[in-house]
Amino acid sequence: MNILKKISTVIFIISSLFIFSCSKDLYFSGISENSINLIKDNYLVKDYSKEEITKIIGAPLVKENSGNLWIYRIEKKKGNATFKKDIYNKTLKLNFENNVLRSVEEVNIN
């Protein structure tokens, strides 16, 4: 009887480890949603400069030669290390005029 308890305990531990290793995690890359929402909600009311945008969301992934178009990437995935599913994959375009943010455009890539 004692051997059966030990075997069942070992099986329980192994199956628990297997289940926890398959848990679904969220993976983010790019800039945070809170920063995007802050800028999208306030850019028409507040004149954000390029320096302020850099402080809020960081340096752009791509910057146009004139420096007036900045592009950022936002990606969110769900799943374990082997199987990941895209929840969203977006590009954020910021257009500046005279060092002031004039438009924010969010483009879905999916």
PDB file of N, CA and C in Angstrom:
ATOM      1  N   MET A   1       0.816  -1.187   0.000  1.00  0.00           N
ATOM      2  CA  MET A   1       0.000   0.000   0.000  1.00  0.00           C
ATOM      3  C   MET A   1       0.864   1.257   0.000  1.00  0.00           C
ATOM      4  N   ASN A   2       1.955   1.227   0.730  1.00  0.00           N
ATOM      5  CA  ASN A   2       2.853   2.359   0.820  1.00  0.00           C
ATOM      6  C   ASN A   2       3.488   2.670  -0.545  1.00  0.00           C
ATOM      7  N   ILE A   3       3.760   1.636  -1.315  1.00  0.00           N
ATOM      8  CA  ILE A   3       4.370   1.810  -2.639  1.00  0.00           C
ATOM      9  C   ILE A   3       3.366   2.484  -3.580  1.00  0.00           C
ATOM     10  N   LEU A   4       2.089   2.124  -3.484  1.00  0.00           N
ATOM     11  CA  LEU A   4       1.065   2.744  -4.326  1.00  0.00           C
ATOM     12  C   LEU A   4       0.918   4.229  -4.025  1.00  0.00           C
ATOM     13  N   LYS A   5       1.036   4.615  -2.768  1.00  0.00           N
ATOM     14  CA  LYS A   5       0.961   6.032  -2.402  1.00  0.00           C
ATOM     15  C   LYS A   5       2.133   6.802  -2.987  1.00  0.00           C
ATOM     16  N   LYS A   6       3.312   6.207  -2.930  1.00  0.00           N
ATOM     17  CA  LYS A   6       4.504   6.870  -3.481  1.00  0.00           C
ATOM     18  C   LYS A   6       4.389   7.021  -4.996  1.00  0.00           C
ATOM     19  N   ILE A   7       3.916   5.977  -5.663  1.00  0.00           N
ATOM     20  CA  ILE A   7       3.777   6.029  -7.121  1.00  0.00           C
ATOM     21  C   ILE A   7       2.716   7.053  -7.510  1.00  0.00           C
ATOM     22  N   SER A   8       1.593   7.059  -6.811  1.00  0.00           N
ATOM     23  CA  SER A   8       0.554   8.034  -7.140  1.00  0.00           C
ATOM     24  C   SER A   8       1.015   9.469  -6.856  1.00  0.00           C
ATOM     25  N   THR A   9       1.822   9.669  -5.825  1.00  0.00           N
ATOM     26  CA  THR A   9       2.366  10.995  -5.526  1.00  0.00           C
ATOM     27  C   THR A   9       3.305  11.452  -6.637  1.00  0.00           C
ATOM     28  N   VAL A  10       4.159  10.556  -7.098  1.00  0.00           N
ATOM     29  CA  VAL A  10       5.093  10.883  -8.180  1.00  0.00           C
ATOM     30  C   VAL A  10       4.316  11.207  -9.461  1.00  0.00           C
ATOM     31  N   ILE A  11       3.297  10.434  -9.771  1.00  0.00           N
ATOM     32  CA  ILE A  11       2.481  10.685 -10.962  1.00  0.00           C
ATOM     33  C   ILE A  11       1.773  12.028 -10.840  1.00  0.00           C
ATOM     34  N   PHE A  12       1.259  12.330  -9.664  1.00  0.00           N
ATOM     35  CA  PHE A  12       0.590  13.614  -9.437  1.00  0.00           C
ATOM     36  C   PHE A  12       1.553  14.783  -9.629  1.00  0.00           C
ATOM     37  N   ILE A  13       2.757  14.671  -9.101  1.00  0.00           N
ATOM     38  CA  ILE A  13       3.750  15.748  -9.234  1.00  0.00           C
ATOM     39  C   ILE A  13       4.141  15.936 -10.696  1.00  0.00           C
ATOM     40  N   ILE A  14       4.369  14.855 -11.400  1.00  0.00           N
ATOM     41  CA  ILE A  14       4.767  14.946 -12.811  1.00  0.00           C
ATOM     42  C   ILE A  14       3.637  15.540 -13.654  1.00  0.00           C
ATOM     43  N   SER A  15       2.409  15.100 -13.411  1.00  0.00           N
ATOM     44  CA  SER A  15       1.296  15.647 -14.188  1.00  0.00           C
ATOM     45  C   SER A  15       1.060  17.119 -13.850  1.00  0.00           C
ATOM     46  N   SER A  16       1.249  17.503 -12.597  1.00  0.00           N
ATOM     47  CA  SER A  16       1.110  18.916 -12.221  1.00  0.00           C
ATOM     48  C   SER A  16       2.150  19.776 -12.916  1.00  0.00           C
ATOM     49  N   LEU A  17       3.391  19.309 -12.949  1.00  0.00           N
ATOM     50  CA  LEU A  17       4.444  20.052 -13.641  1.00  0.00           C
ATOM     51  C   LEU A  17       4.134  20.183 -15.126  1.00  0.00           C
ATOM     52  N   PHE A  18       3.609  19.148 -15.717  1.00  0.00           N
ATOM     53  CA  PHE A  18       3.259  19.191 -17.138  1.00  0.00           C
ATOM     54  C   PHE A  18       2.152  20.210 -17.393  1.00  0.00           C
ATOM     55  N   ILE A  19       1.132  20.208 -16.552  1.00  0.00           N
ATOM     56  CA  ILE A  19       0.021  21.143 -16.723  1.00  0.00           C
ATOM     57  C   ILE A  19       0.488  22.582 -16.535  1.00  0.00           C
ATOM     58  N   PHE A  20       1.320  22.841 -15.525  1.00  0.00           N
ATOM     59  CA  PHE A  20       1.801  24.206 -15.296  1.00  0.00           C
ATOM     60  C   PHE A  20       2.736  24.674 -16.399  1.00  0.00           C
ATOM     61  N   SER A  21       3.470  23.757 -17.017  1.00  0.00           N
ATOM     62  CA  SER A  21       4.364  24.155 -18.105  1.00  0.00           C
ATOM     63  C   SER A  21       3.591  24.516 -19.364  1.00  0.00           C
ATOM     64  N   CYS A  22       2.354  24.064 -19.479  1.00  0.00           N
ATOM     65  CA  CYS A  22       1.517  24.369 -20.643  1.00  0.00           C
ATOM     66  C   CYS A  22       0.616  25.577 -20.400  1.00  0.00           C
ATOM     67  N   SER A  23       0.802  26.260 -19.307  1.00  0.00           N
ATOM     68  CA  SER A  23      -0.063  27.401 -19.025  1.00  0.00           C
ATOM     69  C   SER A  23       0.153  28.498 -20.058  1.00  0.00           C
ATOM     70  N   LYS A  24      -0.878  29.278 -20.260  1.00  0.00           N
ATOM     71  CA  LYS A  24      -0.812  30.328 -21.271  1.00  0.00           C
ATOM     72  C   LYS A  24      -0.350  31.626 -20.640  1.00  0.00           C
ATOM     73  N   ASP A  25       0.678  32.190 -21.206  1.00  0.00           N
ATOM     74  CA  ASP A  25       1.219  33.457 -20.750  1.00  0.00           C
ATOM     75  C   ASP A  25       0.967  34.514 -21.809  1.00  0.00           C
ATOM     76  N   LEU A  26       1.027  35.779 -21.385  1.00  0.00           N
ATOM     77  CA  LEU A  26       0.909  36.891 -22.318  1.00  0.00           C
ATOM     78  C   LEU A  26       2.295  37.440 -22.606  1.00  0.00           C
ATOM     79  N   TYR A  27       2.568  37.709 -23.865  1.00  0.00           N
ATOM     80  CA  TYR A  27       3.844  38.268 -24.284  1.00  0.00           C
ATOM     81  C   TYR A  27       3.582  39.598 -24.968  1.00  0.00           C
ATOM     82  N   PHE A  28       4.264  40.620 -24.534  1.00  0.00           N
ATOM     83  CA  PHE A  28       4.127  41.941 -25.127  1.00  0.00           C
ATOM     84  C   PHE A  28       5.451  42.324 -25.782  1.00  0.00           C
ATOM     85  N   SER A  29       5.372  43.088 -26.844  1.00  0.00           N
ATOM     86  CA  SER A  29       6.573  43.714 -27.383  1.00  0.00           C
ATOM     87  C   SER A  29       6.161  45.064 -27.935  1.00  0.00           C
ATOM     88  N   GLY A  30       7.075  45.973 -27.903  1.00  0.00           N
ATOM     89  CA  GLY A  30       6.769  47.324 -28.354  1.00  0.00           C
ATOM     90  C   GLY A  30       6.406  48.197 -27.168  1.00  0.00           C
ATOM     91  N   ILE A  31       5.594  49.199 -27.422  1.00  0.00           N
ATOM     92  CA  ILE A  31       5.248  50.161 -26.375  1.00  0.00           C
ATOM     93  C   ILE A  31       3.964  49.737 -25.664  1.00  0.00           C
ATOM     94  N   SER A  32       3.747  50.267 -24.476  1.00  0.00           N
ATOM     95  CA  SER A  32       2.601  49.845 -23.668  1.00  0.00           C
ATOM     96  C   SER A  32       1.302  50.491 -24.149  1.00  0.00           C
ATOM     97  N   GLU A  33       0.198  49.795 -23.896  1.00  0.00           N
ATOM     98  CA  GLU A  33      -1.115  50.300 -24.281  1.00  0.00           C
ATOM     99  C   GLU A  33      -1.484  51.555 -23.498  1.00  0.00           C
ATOM    100  N   ASN A  34      -1.069  51.619 -22.246  1.00  0.00           N
ATOM    101  CA  ASN A  34      -1.375  52.804 -21.431  1.00  0.00           C
ATOM    102  C   ASN A  34      -0.741  54.060 -22.018  1.00  0.00           C
ATOM    103  N   SER A  35       0.495  53.944 -22.490  1.00  0.00           N
ATOM    104  CA  SER A  35       1.176  55.092 -23.101  1.00  0.00           C
ATOM    105  C   SER A  35       0.482  55.521 -24.386  1.00  0.00           C
ATOM    106  N   ILE A  36       0.061  54.543 -25.171  1.00  0.00           N
ATOM    107  CA  ILE A  36      -0.634  54.853 -26.421  1.00  0.00           C
ATOM    108  C   ILE A  36      -1.945  55.580 -26.129  1.00  0.00           C
ATOM    109  N   ASN A  37      -2.703  55.043 -25.172  1.00  0.00           N
ATOM    110  CA  ASN A  37      -3.994  55.656 -24.836  1.00  0.00           C
ATOM    111  C   ASN A  37      -3.815  57.065 -24.283  1.00  0.00           C
ATOM    112  N   LEU A  38      -2.786  57.278 -23.500  1.00  0.00           N
ATOM    113  CA  LEU A  38      -2.505  58.614 -22.966  1.00  0.00           C
ATOM    114  C   LEU A  38      -2.285  59.609 -24.098  1.00  0.00           C
ATOM    115  N   ILE A  39      -1.483  59.223 -25.060  1.00  0.00           N
ATOM    116  CA  ILE A  39      -1.178  60.120 -26.181  1.00  0.00           C
ATOM    117  C   ILE A  39      -2.397  60.304 -27.082  1.00  0.00           C
ATOM    118  N   LYS A  40      -3.101  59.213 -27.411  1.00  0.00           N
ATOM    119  CA  LYS A  40      -4.261  59.310 -28.296  1.00  0.00           C
ATOM    120  C   LYS A  40      -5.370  60.156 -27.682  1.00  0.00           C
ATOM    121  N   ASP A  41      -5.542  60.070 -26.386  1.00  0.00           N
ATOM    122  CA  ASP A  41      -6.616  60.818 -25.731  1.00  0.00           C
ATOM    123  C   ASP A  41      -6.301  62.301 -25.567  1.00  0.00           C
ATOM    124  N   ASN A  42      -5.015  62.646 -25.500  1.00  0.00           N
ATOM    125  CA  ASN A  42      -4.648  64.016 -25.144  1.00  0.00           C
ATOM    126  C   ASN A  42      -3.943  64.818 -26.232  1.00  0.00           C
ATOM    127  N   TYR A  43      -3.583  64.223 -27.354  1.00  0.00           N
ATOM    128  CA  TYR A  43      -2.766  64.972 -28.317  1.00  0.00           C
ATOM    129  C   TYR A  43      -3.523  66.121 -28.978  1.00  0.00           C
ATOM    130  N   LEU A  44      -4.851  66.041 -29.041  1.00  0.00           N
ATOM    131  CA  LEU A  44      -5.613  67.146 -29.628  1.00  0.00           C
ATOM    132  C   LEU A  44      -5.722  68.329 -28.675  1.00  0.00           C
ATOM    133  N   VAL A  45      -5.633  68.057 -27.384  1.00  0.00           N
ATOM    134  CA  VAL A  45      -5.757  69.103 -26.377  1.00  0.00           C
ATOM    135  C   VAL A  45      -4.391  69.661 -25.989  1.00  0.00           C
ATOM    136  N   LYS A  46      -3.417  68.778 -25.889  1.00  0.00           N
ATOM    137  CA  LYS A  46      -2.082  69.180 -25.469  1.00  0.00           C
ATOM    138  C   LYS A  46      -1.123  69.057 -26.647  1.00  0.00           C
ATOM    139  N   ASP A  47      -0.277  70.034 -26.833  1.00  0.00           N
ATOM    140  CA  ASP A  47       0.720  69.993 -27.905  1.00  0.00           C
ATOM    141  C   ASP A  47       1.951  69.252 -27.409  1.00  0.00           C
ATOM    142  N   TYR A  48       2.035  67.958 -27.781  1.00  0.00           N
ATOM    143  CA  TYR A  48       3.188  67.153 -27.394  1.00  0.00           C
ATOM    144  C   TYR A  48       4.358  67.456 -28.323  1.00  0.00           C
ATOM    145  N   SER A  49       5.517  67.686 -27.741  1.00  0.00           N
ATOM    146  CA  SER A  49       6.725  67.856 -28.547  1.00  0.00           C
ATOM    147  C   SER A  49       7.369  66.490 -28.762  1.00  0.00           C
ATOM    148  N   LYS A  50       8.336  66.431 -29.634  1.00  0.00           N
ATOM    149  CA  LYS A  50       9.046  65.179 -29.889  1.00  0.00           C
ATOM    150  C   LYS A  50       9.754  64.692 -28.625  1.00  0.00           C
ATOM    151  N   GLU A  51      10.282  65.605 -27.839  1.00  0.00           N
ATOM    152  CA  GLU A  51      10.970  65.238 -26.605  1.00  0.00           C
ATOM    153  C   GLU A  51      10.005  64.619 -25.598  1.00  0.00           C
ATOM    154  N   GLU A  52       8.804  65.170 -25.515  1.00  0.00           N
ATOM    155  CA  GLU A  52       7.804  64.618 -24.588  1.00  0.00           C
ATOM    156  C   GLU A  52       7.362  63.222 -25.022  1.00  0.00           C
ATOM    157  N   ILE A  53       7.192  63.038 -26.309  1.00  0.00           N
ATOM    158  CA  ILE A  53       6.814  61.712 -26.822  1.00  0.00           C
ATOM    159  C   ILE A  53       7.921  60.711 -26.524  1.00  0.00           C
ATOM    160  N   THR A  54       9.165  61.126 -26.703  1.00  0.00           N
ATOM    161  CA  THR A  54      10.286  60.237 -26.413  1.00  0.00           C
ATOM    162  C   THR A  54      10.313  59.858 -24.938  1.00  0.00           C
ATOM    163  N   LYS A  55       9.977  60.780 -24.054  1.00  0.00           N
ATOM    164  CA  LYS A  55       9.933  60.467 -22.627  1.00  0.00           C
ATOM    165  C   LYS A  55       8.788  59.518 -22.290  1.00  0.00           C
ATOM    166  N   ILE A  56       7.655  59.656 -22.974  1.00  0.00           N
ATOM    167  CA  ILE A  56       6.490  58.835 -22.666  1.00  0.00           C
ATOM    168  C   ILE A  56       6.623  57.420 -23.232  1.00  0.00           C
ATOM    169  N   ILE A  57       6.959  57.299 -24.519  1.00  0.00           N
ATOM    170  CA  ILE A  57       6.982  55.968 -25.142  1.00  0.00           C
ATOM    171  C   ILE A  57       8.336  55.552 -25.695  1.00  0.00           C
ATOM    172  N   GLY A  58       9.323  56.405 -25.603  1.00  0.00           N
ATOM    173  CA  GLY A  58      10.656  56.033 -26.058  1.00  0.00           C
ATOM    174  C   GLY A  58      10.918  56.418 -27.503  1.00  0.00           C
ATOM    175  N   ALA A  59      12.076  56.030 -27.960  1.00  0.00           N
ATOM    176  CA  ALA A  59      12.496  56.346 -29.326  1.00  0.00           C
ATOM    177  C   ALA A  59      11.696  55.508 -30.320  1.00  0.00           C
ATOM    178  N   PRO A  60      11.437  56.055 -31.510  1.00  0.00           N
ATOM    179  CA  PRO A  60      10.654  55.306 -32.502  1.00  0.00           C
ATOM    180  C   PRO A  60      11.455  54.163 -33.114  1.00  0.00           C
ATOM    181  N   LEU A  61      10.724  53.185 -33.612  1.00  0.00           N
ATOM    182  CA  LEU A  61      11.344  52.075 -34.320  1.00  0.00           C
ATOM    183  C   LEU A  61      11.896  52.556 -35.656  1.00  0.00           C
ATOM    184  N   VAL A  62      11.110  53.400 -36.345  1.00  0.00           N
ATOM    185  CA  VAL A  62      11.509  53.969 -37.640  1.00  0.00           C
ATOM    186  C   VAL A  62      11.198  55.453 -37.600  1.00  0.00           C
ATOM    187  N   LYS A  63      12.133  56.246 -38.142  1.00  0.00           N
ATOM    188  CA  LYS A  63      11.931  57.691 -38.219  1.00  0.00           C
ATOM    189  C   LYS A  63      12.182  58.124 -39.662  1.00  0.00           C
ATOM    190  N   GLU A  64      11.230  58.850 -40.233  1.00  0.00           N
ATOM    191  CA  GLU A  64      11.370  59.361 -41.589  1.00  0.00           C
ATOM    192  C   GLU A  64      12.555  60.326 -41.653  1.00  0.00           C
ATOM    193  N   ASN A  65      13.149  60.483 -42.823  1.00  0.00           N
ATOM    194  CA  ASN A  65      14.313  61.361 -42.974  1.00  0.00           C
ATOM    195  C   ASN A  65      14.060  62.774 -42.477  1.00  0.00           C
ATOM    196  N   SER A  66      12.870  63.306 -42.748  1.00  0.00           N
ATOM    197  CA  SER A  66      12.557  64.660 -42.300  1.00  0.00           C
ATOM    198  C   SER A  66      12.338  64.710 -40.788  1.00  0.00           C
ATOM    199  N   GLY A  67      12.118  63.548 -40.169  1.00  0.00           N
ATOM    200  CA  GLY A  67      11.891  63.483 -38.732  1.00  0.00           C
ATOM    201  C   GLY A  67      10.463  63.775 -38.329  1.00  0.00           C
ATOM    202  N   ASN A  68       9.568  63.923 -39.302  1.00  0.00           N
ATOM    203  CA  ASN A  68       8.184  64.262 -39.000  1.00  0.00           C
ATOM    204  C   ASN A  68       7.247  63.061 -38.921  1.00  0.00           C
ATOM    205  N   LEU A  69       7.695  61.889 -39.314  1.00  0.00           N
ATOM    206  CA  LEU A  69       6.894  60.671 -39.221  1.00  0.00           C
ATOM    207  C   LEU A  69       7.658  59.656 -38.368  1.00  0.00           C
ATOM    208  N   TRP A  70       7.064  59.286 -37.244  1.00  0.00           N
ATOM    209  CA  TRP A  70       7.657  58.286 -36.355  1.00  0.00           C
ATOM    210  C   TRP A  70       6.756  57.061 -36.360  1.00  0.00           C
ATOM    211  N   ILE A  71       7.364  55.874 -36.400  1.00  0.00           N
ATOM    212  CA  ILE A  71       6.610  54.628 -36.440  1.00  0.00           C
ATOM    213  C   ILE A  71       7.028  53.749 -35.269  1.00  0.00           C
ATOM    214  N   TYR A  72       6.023  53.225 -34.571  1.00  0.00           N
ATOM    215  CA  TYR A  72       6.219  52.311 -33.459  1.00  0.00           C
ATOM    216  C   TYR A  72       5.462  51.024 -33.763  1.00  0.00           C
ATOM    217  N   ARG A  73       5.871  49.936 -33.121  1.00  0.00           N
ATOM    218  CA  ARG A  73       5.196  48.647 -33.299  1.00  0.00           C
ATOM    219  C   ARG A  73       4.697  48.161 -31.952  1.00  0.00           C
ATOM    220  N   ILE A  74       3.490  47.594 -31.951  1.00  0.00           N
ATOM    221  CA  ILE A  74       2.890  47.056 -30.742  1.00  0.00           C
ATOM    222  C   ILE A  74       2.412  45.645 -31.064  1.00  0.00           C
ATOM    223  N   GLU A  75       2.782  44.695 -30.214  1.00  0.00           N
ATOM    224  CA  GLU A  75       2.391  43.321 -30.461  1.00  0.00           C
ATOM    225  C   GLU A  75       2.040  42.658 -29.129  1.00  0.00           C
ATOM    226  N   LYS A  76       0.996  41.848 -29.159  1.00  0.00           N
ATOM    227  CA  LYS A  76       0.590  41.109 -27.970  1.00  0.00           C
ATOM    228  C   LYS A  76       0.275  39.684 -28.391  1.00  0.00           C
ATOM    229  N   LYS A  77       0.905  38.708 -27.720  1.00  0.00           N
ATOM    230  CA  LYS A  77       0.692  37.293 -28.026  1.00  0.00           C
ATOM    231  C   LYS A  77       0.291  36.567 -26.761  1.00  0.00           C
ATOM    232  N   LYS A  78      -0.443  35.484 -26.950  1.00  0.00           N
ATOM    233  CA  LYS A  78      -0.854  34.650 -25.830  1.00  0.00           C
ATOM    234  C   LYS A  78      -0.486  33.214 -26.154  1.00  0.00           C
ATOM    235  N   GLY A  79       0.013  32.493 -25.170  1.00  0.00           N
ATOM    236  CA  GLY A  79       0.361  31.093 -25.368  1.00  0.00           C
ATOM    237  C   GLY A  79       1.623  30.745 -24.616  1.00  0.00           C
ATOM    238  N   ASN A  80       2.042  29.499 -24.764  1.00  0.00           N
ATOM    239  CA  ASN A  80       3.296  29.108 -24.126  1.00  0.00           C
ATOM    240  C   ASN A  80       4.441  29.337 -25.106  1.00  0.00           C
ATOM    241  N   ALA A  81       5.623  28.902 -24.729  1.00  0.00           N
ATOM    242  CA  ALA A  81       6.803  29.183 -25.550  1.00  0.00           C
ATOM    243  C   ALA A  81       6.716  28.522 -26.923  1.00  0.00           C
ATOM    244  N   THR A  82       6.023  27.406 -27.027  1.00  0.00           N
ATOM    245  CA  THR A  82       5.945  26.684 -28.295  1.00  0.00           C
ATOM    246  C   THR A  82       4.817  27.187 -29.186  1.00  0.00           C
ATOM    247  N   PHE A  83       3.645  27.371 -28.614  1.00  0.00           N
ATOM    248  CA  PHE A  83       2.469  27.759 -29.386  1.00  0.00           C
ATOM    249  C   PHE A  83       2.003  29.135 -28.943  1.00  0.00           C
ATOM    250  N   LYS A  84       2.236  30.127 -29.784  1.00  0.00           N
ATOM    251  CA  LYS A  84       1.807  31.491 -29.491  1.00  0.00           C
ATOM    252  C   LYS A  84       0.761  31.924 -30.503  1.00  0.00           C
ATOM    253  N   LYS A  85      -0.250  32.620 -30.003  1.00  0.00           N
ATOM    254  CA  LYS A  85      -1.310  33.132 -30.863  1.00  0.00           C
ATOM    255  C   LYS A  85      -1.288  34.655 -30.780  1.00  0.00           C
ATOM    256  N   ASP A  86      -1.310  35.314 -31.944  1.00  0.00           N
ATOM    257  CA  ASP A  86      -1.347  36.775 -31.968  1.00  0.00           C
ATOM    258  C   ASP A  86      -2.709  37.264 -31.501  1.00  0.00           C
ATOM    259  N   ILE A  87      -2.722  38.127 -30.497  1.00  0.00           N
ATOM    260  CA  ILE A  87      -3.944  38.789 -30.079  1.00  0.00           C
ATOM    261  C   ILE A  87      -4.110  40.043 -30.921  1.00  0.00           C
ATOM    262  N   TYR A  88      -3.039  40.804 -31.047  1.00  0.00           N
ATOM    263  CA  TYR A  88      -3.031  41.905 -31.994  1.00  0.00           C
ATOM    264  C   TYR A  88      -1.602  42.229 -32.393  1.00  0.00           C
ATOM    265  N   ASN A  89      -1.488  42.844 -33.551  1.00  0.00           N
ATOM    266  CA  ASN A  89      -0.214  43.251 -34.104  1.00  0.00           C
ATOM    267  C   ASN A  89      -0.474  44.585 -34.793  1.00  0.00           C
ATOM    268  N   LYS A  90      -0.004  45.661 -34.205  1.00  0.00           N
ATOM    269  CA  LYS A  90      -0.347  46.994 -34.697  1.00  0.00           C
ATOM    270  C   LYS A  90       0.894  47.831 -34.970  1.00  0.00           C
ATOM    271  N   THR A  91       0.692  48.835 -35.784  1.00  0.00           N
ATOM    272  CA  THR A  91       1.699  49.848 -36.034  1.00  0.00           C
ATOM    273  C   THR A  91       1.106  51.191 -35.646  1.00  0.00           C
ATOM    274  N   LEU A  92       1.882  51.980 -34.958  1.00  0.00           N
ATOM    275  CA  LEU A  92       1.443  53.309 -34.540  1.00  0.00           C
ATOM    276  C   LEU A  92       2.260  54.338 -35.310  1.00  0.00           C
ATOM    277  N   LYS A  93       1.568  55.231 -36.011  1.00  0.00           N
ATOM    278  CA  LYS A  93       2.229  56.276 -36.787  1.00  0.00           C
ATOM    279  C   LYS A  93       1.941  57.626 -36.146  1.00  0.00           C
ATOM    280  N   LEU A  94       2.994  58.349 -35.826  1.00  0.00           N
ATOM    281  CA  LEU A  94       2.872  59.689 -35.261  1.00  0.00           C
ATOM    282  C   LEU A  94       3.393  60.699 -36.267  1.00  0.00           C
ATOM    283  N   ASN A  95       2.575  61.675 -36.619  1.00  0.00           N
ATOM    284  CA  ASN A  95       2.978  62.726 -37.556  1.00  0.00           C
ATOM    285  C   ASN A  95       3.186  64.035 -36.805  1.00  0.00           C
ATOM    286  N   PHE A  96       4.338  64.640 -37.033  1.00  0.00           N
ATOM    287  CA  PHE A  96       4.689  65.901 -36.388  1.00  0.00           C
ATOM    288  C   PHE A  96       4.702  67.017 -37.417  1.00  0.00           C
ATOM    289  N   GLU A  97       4.408  68.219 -36.926  1.00  0.00           N
ATOM    290  CA  GLU A  97       4.518  69.421 -37.741  1.00  0.00           C
ATOM    291  C   GLU A  97       5.092  70.506 -36.840  1.00  0.00           C
ATOM    292  N   ASN A  98       6.231  71.060 -37.232  1.00  0.00           N
ATOM    293  CA  ASN A  98       6.934  72.069 -36.428  1.00  0.00           C
ATOM    294  C   ASN A  98       7.191  71.580 -35.002  1.00  0.00           C
ATOM    295  N   ASN A  99       7.667  70.339 -34.887  1.00  0.00           N
ATOM    296  CA  ASN A  99       8.045  69.710 -33.617  1.00  0.00           C
ATOM    297  C   ASN A  99       6.854  69.487 -32.679  1.00  0.00           C
ATOM    298  N   VAL A 100       5.620  69.521 -33.193  1.00  0.00           N
ATOM    299  CA  VAL A 100       4.419  69.295 -32.387  1.00  0.00           C
ATOM    300  C   VAL A 100       3.639  68.138 -33.001  1.00  0.00           C
ATOM    301  N   LEU A 101       3.176  67.212 -32.161  1.00  0.00           N
ATOM    302  CA  LEU A 101       2.397  66.066 -32.624  1.00  0.00           C
ATOM    303  C   LEU A 101       1.055  66.526 -33.170  1.00  0.00           C
ATOM    304  N   ARG A 102       0.768  66.164 -34.432  1.00  0.00           N
ATOM    305  CA  ARG A 102      -0.466  66.598 -35.072  1.00  0.00           C
ATOM    306  C   ARG A 102      -1.443  65.459 -35.323  1.00  0.00           C
ATOM    307  N   SER A 103      -0.946  64.241 -35.540  1.00  0.00           N
ATOM    308  CA  SER A 103      -1.881  63.128 -35.769  1.00  0.00           C
ATOM    309  C   SER A 103      -1.299  61.811 -35.267  1.00  0.00           C
ATOM    310  N   VAL A 104      -2.204  60.946 -34.812  1.00  0.00           N
ATOM    311  CA  VAL A 104      -1.851  59.609 -34.337  1.00  0.00           C
ATOM    312  C   VAL A 104      -2.716  58.630 -35.108  1.00  0.00           C
ATOM    313  N   GLU A 105      -2.065  57.692 -35.776  1.00  0.00           N
ATOM    314  CA  GLU A 105      -2.794  56.696 -36.566  1.00  0.00           C
ATOM    315  C   GLU A 105      -2.356  55.308 -36.121  1.00  0.00           C
ATOM    316  N   GLU A 106      -3.344  54.458 -35.835  1.00  0.00           N
ATOM    317  CA  GLU A 106      -3.077  53.090 -35.421  1.00  0.00           C
ATOM    318  C   GLU A 106      -3.510  52.163 -36.556  1.00  0.00           C
ATOM    319  N   VAL A 107      -2.594  51.323 -37.041  1.00  0.00           N
ATOM    320  CA  VAL A 107      -2.873  50.445 -38.169  1.00  0.00           C
ATOM    321  C   VAL A 107      -2.752  48.997 -37.699  1.00  0.00           C
ATOM    322  N   ASN A 108      -3.818  48.204 -37.911  1.00  0.00           N
ATOM    323  CA  ASN A 108      -3.786  46.778 -37.589  1.00  0.00           C
ATOM    324  C   ASN A 108      -3.093  46.031 -38.706  1.00  0.00           C
ATOM    325  N   ILE A 109      -2.163  45.167 -38.345  1.00  0.00           N
ATOM    326  CA  ILE A 109      -1.425  44.392 -39.347  1.00  0.00           C
ATOM    327  C   ILE A 109      -2.049  43.027 -39.555  1.00  0.00           C
ATOM    328  N   ASN A 110      -2.813  42.520 -38.608  1.00  0.00           N
ATOM    329  CA  ASN A 110      -3.407  41.178 -38.720  1.00  0.00           C
ATOM    330  C   ASN A 110      -4.312  41.063 -39.899  1.00  0.00           C
TER     331      ASN A 110
END
